[in-house]
Amino acid sequence: MGVSPVELIIGTKIANGPLSSSTFPNKPAVPRRLSSSHFYRTLTREFLNPSSRMPSQLEGAMDALITVFYNYSGNDGDKYKLNKGELKQLLNSELTDFLTSQKDPMLVEKIMNDLDSNKDNEVDFNEFVVLVAALTVACNDFFQEQKKKAK
């Protein structure tokens, strides 16, 4: 059985089945901050040569994406999903400029409805990645258009 990103983040080997609530007995009520390279160090220690090589930019970006999601998930409920309040806190903290540039007071509600593909009123990691990918594509398109205008 493979190791999930959650297991890599918390550094726990799970032999049988998913993580249980006892895996997180002391989970703080506010988002915890994991070290920026925790995922990479655990991956390296568990699967690769445990050299002191720094993570690549892409590995660092993957680490950051996973870490940010799990820093906010599960403070009020399911440890592997963001409810509306957690999503709002994540967006306010991690995408401040994006949120403040929007004039729609219902933006978080609309984002939640768009992302929640299975309609369980929570956003899992896969649904969250869709948001990040869409914003990344939109940013790339914007900057490519700016380059064309500058020429």
Protein backbone atom coordinates (compact mmCIF):
# COMPACT_ATOMS: atom_id res chain seq x y z
CA MET A 1 0.00 0.00 0.00
CA GLY A 2 1.32 3.50 -0.90
CA VAL A 3 1.76 6.37 1.50
CA SER A 4 -0.72 9.23 1.19
CA PRO A 5 0.30 12.91 1.35
CA VAL A 6 -1.46 13.17 4.72
CA GLU A 7 0.70 10.38 6.10
CA LEU A 8 3.79 12.10 4.74
CA ILE A 9 2.83 15.41 6.36
CA ILE A 10 2.21 13.98 9.80
CA GLY A 11 5.04 11.45 9.47
CA THR A 12 2.83 8.54 10.48
CA LYS A 13 2.89 5.10 8.91
CA ILE A 14 -0.60 3.68 8.63
CA ALA A 15 -0.66 -0.05 8.14
CA ASN A 16 -4.39 -0.67 7.84
CA GLY A 17 -7.03 1.77 6.65
CA PRO A 18 -7.44 5.52 6.91
CA LEU A 19 -6.26 7.78 9.69
CA SER A 20 -8.50 7.89 12.73
CA SER A 21 -9.30 10.69 15.17
CA SER A 22 -6.81 9.17 17.59
CA THR A 23 -4.06 9.99 15.08
CA PHE A 24 -4.56 13.68 15.91
CA PRO A 25 -5.21 13.65 19.69
CA ASN A 26 -3.64 17.07 20.30
CA LYS A 27 -4.65 18.88 17.12
CA PRO A 28 -4.75 22.60 17.93
CA ALA A 29 -7.92 24.62 17.42
CA VAL A 30 -6.12 27.11 15.16
CA PRO A 31 -4.19 26.33 11.98
CA ARG A 32 -0.82 24.81 12.75
CA ARG A 33 2.21 25.79 10.74
CA LEU A 34 4.32 22.93 9.49
CA SER A 35 7.89 23.51 8.50
CA SER A 36 8.18 24.43 4.85
CA SER A 37 10.07 21.28 3.88
CA HIS A 38 8.41 18.74 6.17
CA PHE A 39 6.72 16.89 3.30
CA TYR A 40 9.95 16.78 1.27
CA ARG A 41 12.09 15.68 4.23
CA THR A 42 9.64 12.90 5.08
CA LEU A 43 9.43 11.80 1.45
CA THR A 44 13.22 11.79 1.19
CA ARG A 45 13.67 9.90 4.45
CA GLU A 46 11.04 7.29 3.57
CA PHE A 47 11.53 6.71 -0.16
CA LEU A 48 14.57 8.39 -1.60
CA ASN A 49 18.23 8.68 -0.75
CA PRO A 50 18.30 10.63 2.53
CA SER A 51 20.78 13.18 1.20
CA SER A 52 20.64 16.81 2.22
CA ARG A 53 19.51 17.88 -1.28
CA MET A 54 17.18 20.85 -1.30
CA PRO A 55 13.75 20.31 -2.85
CA SER A 56 13.21 21.52 -6.40
CA GLN A 57 10.86 24.45 -6.99
CA LEU A 58 8.08 22.08 -8.04
CA GLU A 59 8.60 19.82 -5.01
CA GLY A 60 8.50 22.92 -2.79
CA ALA A 61 5.29 24.09 -4.47
CA MET A 62 3.68 20.68 -3.97
CA ASP A 63 4.80 20.71 -0.33
CA ALA A 64 3.34 24.18 0.16
CA LEU A 65 0.01 23.26 -1.43
CA ILE A 66 -0.42 20.17 0.74
CA THR A 67 0.77 21.95 3.88
CA VAL A 68 -1.51 24.96 3.41
CA PHE A 69 -4.57 22.75 2.91
CA TYR A 70 -3.95 20.66 6.03
CA ASN A 71 -3.04 23.71 8.12
CA TYR A 72 -6.66 24.84 7.75
CA SER A 73 -8.63 21.61 7.40
CA GLY A 74 -10.30 19.81 10.27
CA ASN A 75 -10.39 22.55 12.87
CA ASP A 76 -14.20 22.20 12.87
CA GLY A 77 -15.03 18.68 11.74
CA ASP A 78 -13.55 16.37 9.13
CA LYS A 79 -9.76 16.48 9.30
CA TYR A 80 -9.43 15.98 5.54
CA LYS A 81 -11.88 18.63 4.36
CA LEU A 82 -12.45 22.36 4.62
CA ASN A 83 -15.85 23.56 5.72
CA LYS A 84 -17.04 27.03 4.65
CA GLY A 85 -15.47 28.75 7.66
CA GLU A 86 -12.13 27.02 7.17
CA LEU A 87 -12.17 27.81 3.43
CA LYS A 88 -12.90 31.46 4.21
CA GLN A 89 -10.06 31.56 6.75
CA LEU A 90 -7.67 29.97 4.23
CA LEU A 91 -8.68 32.38 1.47
CA ASN A 92 -8.43 35.40 3.77
CA SER A 93 -5.01 34.37 5.03
CA GLU A 94 -3.41 32.84 1.95
CA LEU A 95 -5.08 34.72 -0.94
CA THR A 96 -5.66 38.10 0.71
CA ASP A 97 -5.01 40.20 -2.42
CA PHE A 98 -7.30 38.02 -4.51
CA LEU A 99 -10.18 38.34 -2.04
CA THR A 100 -9.78 42.06 -1.40
CA SER A 101 -9.64 42.80 -5.13
CA GLN A 102 -13.06 41.19 -5.58
CA LYS A 103 -16.14 43.28 -4.82
CA ASP A 104 -18.57 40.39 -4.37
CA PRO A 105 -19.55 39.82 -0.70
CA MET A 106 -20.81 36.34 -1.67
CA LEU A 107 -17.49 35.30 -3.24
CA VAL A 108 -16.54 32.67 -0.63
CA GLU A 109 -20.04 31.17 -0.87
CA LYS A 110 -19.78 31.05 -4.68
CA ILE A 111 -16.30 29.51 -4.55
CA MET A 112 -17.52 26.91 -2.06
CA ASN A 113 -20.49 26.01 -4.27
CA ASP A 114 -18.30 25.79 -7.39
CA LEU A 115 -15.62 23.66 -5.74
CA ASP A 116 -17.90 21.32 -3.80
CA SER A 117 -18.41 18.88 -6.66
CA ASN A 118 -19.96 16.17 -4.46
CA LYS A 119 -22.23 18.69 -2.66
CA ASP A 120 -21.27 17.66 0.88
CA ASN A 121 -20.77 21.32 1.95
CA GLU A 122 -17.06 20.68 2.39
CA VAL A 123 -14.04 20.98 0.12
CA ASP A 124 -11.64 18.04 0.03
CA PHE A 125 -8.05 18.26 -1.17
CA ASN A 126 -8.92 17.29 -4.76
CA GLU A 127 -11.59 20.00 -4.92
CA PHE A 128 -9.15 22.53 -3.39
CA VAL A 129 -6.52 21.74 -6.03
CA VAL A 130 -9.08 22.65 -8.70
CA LEU A 131 -9.28 26.18 -7.22
CA VAL A 132 -5.50 26.56 -7.09
CA ALA A 133 -5.12 25.24 -10.64
CA ALA A 134 -7.83 27.56 -11.98
CA LEU A 135 -6.28 30.59 -10.28
CA THR A 136 -2.84 29.60 -11.53
CA VAL A 137 -4.10 29.28 -15.10
CA ALA A 138 -5.87 32.64 -14.83
CA CYS A 139 -2.69 34.30 -13.53
CA ASN A 140 -0.62 32.75 -16.32
CA ASP A 141 -3.14 33.92 -18.94
CA PHE A 142 -3.12 37.44 -17.49
CA PHE A 143 0.68 37.69 -17.50
CA GLN A 144 0.95 36.23 -21.01
CA GLU A 145 -1.55 38.84 -22.22
CA GLN A 146 0.45 41.60 -20.48
CA LYS A 147 3.61 40.40 -22.25
CA LYS A 148 1.84 40.56 -25.61
CA LYS A 149 0.60 44.09 -24.92
CA ALA A 150 4.09 45.23 -23.89
CA LYS A 151 5.59 44.17 -27.26
